C-alpha cells in the first residue's frame, strides 16, 4: 500500500507487518495530492498541488528514487487519478478549475488534446471519474451532481 505525506513524501507500507518499509521524496512536487497504482503494480502515478504528475517504477525492491517521466498539463492541484483496467490510460483531473480533465496514453506518455471534446464550460468542475470494467466507457462526475459518460 502507498500513501503520501504533506511534505511530498511517498510511503510504502507492509500491511501485514503494519509498518512503513520505504519512503521516497516526490521529486518536484510541492505537495502530493493524489496517488494511483497501475493494475499491474509496476507503475505509480503521483499528482501534485502544482498540477504535475510524476511516474515512478515499482518492483519488488520498492519505488524508484526518482520519477522517470512527468506530465505538466494542468495548473491546479490534481485531485483525481485513475488508471484503466490495462494500465494503458490514465485519467487525471482537478476540481479547482472548469474542464480540468485529461487522458494520457501511458506507453507513449502523451496527453490527448481532444479529450473531453465538449464545449468549454460543459464539464464544470470535475470531482471524480472512473473507467468501466473493460474500459469501454469513462464517467466523470462534476460539482453540480451530473455525470458525463464518454
Protein backbone atom coordinates (compact mmCIF):
# COMPACT_ATOMS: atom_id res chain seq x y z
CA UNK A 1 0.00 0.00 0.00
CA UNK A 2 1.18 3.53 -0.74
CA UNK A 3 0.37 6.86 0.87
CA UNK A 4 1.61 10.43 0.60
CA UNK A 5 2.62 12.85 3.33
CA UNK A 6 2.13 16.59 3.39
CA UNK A 7 5.83 17.18 2.63
CA UNK A 8 5.69 15.44 -0.78
CA UNK A 9 6.93 12.10 0.51
CA UNK A 10 5.60 8.76 -0.73
CA UNK A 11 5.40 5.96 1.82
CA UNK A 12 5.31 2.24 1.07
CA UNK A 13 3.56 0.13 3.70
CA UNK A 14 3.60 -3.55 4.53
CA UNK A 15 0.03 -4.06 5.69
CA UNK A 16 0.74 -7.49 7.19
CA UNK A 17 3.58 -6.15 9.32
CA UNK A 18 1.74 -2.81 9.89
CA UNK A 19 4.81 -0.71 9.24
CA UNK A 20 6.40 1.60 6.72
CA UNK A 21 9.00 -0.24 4.63
CA UNK A 22 10.04 2.54 2.27
CA UNK A 23 9.94 6.28 1.73
CA UNK A 24 10.93 8.48 -1.21
CA UNK A 25 10.66 12.18 -1.93
CA UNK A 26 8.13 13.04 -4.68
CA UNK A 27 10.61 14.96 -6.82
CA UNK A 28 9.49 18.42 -7.88
CA UNK A 29 6.17 18.19 -6.04
CA UNK A 30 5.21 20.95 -3.63
CA UNK A 31 2.57 18.71 -2.04
CA UNK A 32 1.47 15.31 -3.27
CA UNK A 33 -2.33 15.35 -3.60
CA UNK A 34 -3.16 12.06 -5.38
CA UNK A 35 -1.76 8.58 -5.95
CA UNK A 36 -2.68 5.80 -8.38
CA UNK A 37 -1.07 2.40 -8.84
CA UNK A 38 -1.35 0.72 -12.24
CA UNK A 39 -3.28 -2.59 -12.36
CA UNK A 40 -0.04 -4.50 -12.94
CA UNK A 41 1.51 -2.82 -9.89
CA UNK A 42 4.66 -1.74 -11.73
CA UNK A 43 3.82 1.96 -12.15
CA UNK A 44 2.91 4.58 -9.55
CA UNK A 45 1.48 7.94 -10.63
CA UNK A 46 1.50 10.89 -8.24
CA UNK A 47 -0.37 14.16 -8.67
CA UNK A 48 0.82 17.38 -7.09
CA UNK A 49 -0.62 20.63 -5.82
CA UNK A 50 1.10 22.38 -8.73
CA UNK A 51 -0.73 20.25 -11.33
CA UNK A 52 2.13 17.98 -12.35
CA UNK A 53 2.07 14.18 -12.49
CA UNK A 54 5.15 12.06 -11.79
CA UNK A 55 5.56 8.42 -12.83
CA UNK A 56 7.66 6.04 -10.74
CA UNK A 57 8.73 2.48 -11.49
CA UNK A 58 7.76 -0.07 -8.86
CA UNK A 59 9.34 -3.50 -8.46
CA UNK A 60 9.92 -6.00 -5.67
CA UNK A 61 12.56 -3.64 -4.25
CA UNK A 62 10.06 -0.80 -3.89
CA UNK A 63 9.58 2.58 -5.57
CA UNK A 64 12.32 4.09 -7.72
CA UNK A 65 14.03 7.08 -6.11
CA UNK A 66 13.25 9.45 -8.97
CA UNK A 67 10.40 9.70 -11.47
CA UNK A 68 11.18 8.57 -14.99
CA UNK A 69 8.51 10.79 -16.56
CA UNK A 70 6.48 13.88 -15.64
CA UNK A 71 3.41 15.45 -17.22
CA UNK A 72 2.56 19.11 -16.72
CA UNK A 73 -0.78 19.61 -18.42
CA UNK A 74 -2.81 21.14 -15.58
CA UNK A 75 -2.06 24.21 -13.50
CA UNK A 76 -4.13 23.47 -10.38
CA UNK A 77 -3.92 20.65 -7.81
CA UNK A 78 -4.50 17.15 -9.15
CA UNK A 79 -7.47 15.83 -7.17
CA UNK A 80 -8.16 12.59 -9.03
CA UNK A 81 -6.01 9.95 -10.79
CA UNK A 82 -7.31 6.70 -12.28
CA UNK A 83 -5.76 4.00 -14.48
CA UNK A 84 -7.92 1.97 -16.84
CA UNK A 85 -8.06 -1.82 -16.49
CA UNK A 86 -4.98 -2.43 -18.68
CA UNK A 87 -2.92 0.47 -17.36
CA UNK A 88 -2.67 1.99 -20.85
CA UNK A 89 -4.71 5.09 -19.98
CA UNK A 90 -4.55 7.46 -17.04
CA UNK A 91 -7.28 9.99 -16.35
CA UNK A 92 -6.39 12.97 -14.22
CA UNK A 93 -8.36 15.99 -13.14
CA UNK A 94 -8.54 18.98 -10.84
CA UNK A 95 -11.73 20.06 -9.12
CA UNK A 96 -10.34 23.60 -8.83
CA UNK A 97 -10.72 24.61 -12.49
CA UNK A 98 -13.52 24.20 -15.03
CA UNK A 99 -12.96 21.44 -17.60
CA UNK A 100 -9.66 20.44 -15.95
CA UNK A 101 -9.75 16.81 -17.02
CA UNK A 102 -7.27 14.97 -19.25
CA UNK A 103 -6.44 11.49 -20.54
CA UNK A 104 -2.88 10.28 -21.03
CA UNK A 105 -1.74 7.34 -23.16
CA UNK A 106 0.73 5.53 -20.91
CA UNK A 107 3.07 3.66 -23.25
CA UNK A 108 3.87 6.95 -25.02
CA UNK A 109 3.07 9.30 -22.07
CA UNK A 110 1.16 11.55 -24.46
CA UNK A 111 -1.82 13.59 -23.31
CA UNK A 112 -4.83 13.56 -25.63
CA UNK A 113 -5.51 17.15 -26.65
CA UNK A 114 -9.02 16.39 -27.98
CA UNK A 115 -10.40 14.99 -24.70
CA UNK A 116 -13.01 15.62 -23.35
CA UNK A 117 -14.14 17.15 -26.64
CA UNK A 118 -17.09 19.07 -25.23
CA UNK A 119 -17.81 22.79 -25.41
CA UNK A 120 -15.98 24.93 -22.83
CA UNK A 121 -17.89 25.11 -19.56
CA UNK A 122 -19.95 21.94 -20.11
CA UNK A 123 -17.93 19.72 -17.78
CA UNK A 124 -17.86 22.32 -14.98
CA UNK A 125 -15.59 21.28 -12.09
CA UNK A 126 -14.70 17.55 -12.27
CA UNK A 127 -14.89 15.82 -8.89
CA UNK A 128 -14.44 12.16 -9.72
CA UNK A 129 -14.06 9.79 -12.63
CA UNK A 130 -13.65 6.18 -13.49
CA UNK A 131 -13.38 3.64 -16.28
CA UNK A 132 -15.92 0.86 -16.80
CA UNK A 133 -14.83 -2.73 -16.14
CA UNK A 134 -13.33 -3.27 -19.62
CA UNK A 135 -12.67 0.45 -20.24
CA UNK A 136 -15.36 0.82 -22.91
CA UNK A 137 -16.65 3.90 -21.07
CA UNK A 138 -15.31 6.68 -18.90
CA UNK A 139 -17.60 8.51 -16.49
CA UNK A 140 -16.86 11.86 -14.86
CA UNK A 141 -18.90 13.43 -12.07
CA UNK A 142 -18.91 17.18 -11.53
CA UNK A 143 -19.72 19.77 -8.87
CA UNK A 144 -23.36 20.02 -9.98
CA UNK A 145 -24.02 16.32 -9.31
CA UNK A 146 -24.05 15.43 -13.00
CA UNK A 147 -22.20 12.54 -14.56
CA UNK A 148 -20.82 12.74 -18.11
CA UNK A 149 -20.29 9.45 -19.93
CA UNK A 150 -17.69 9.08 -22.68
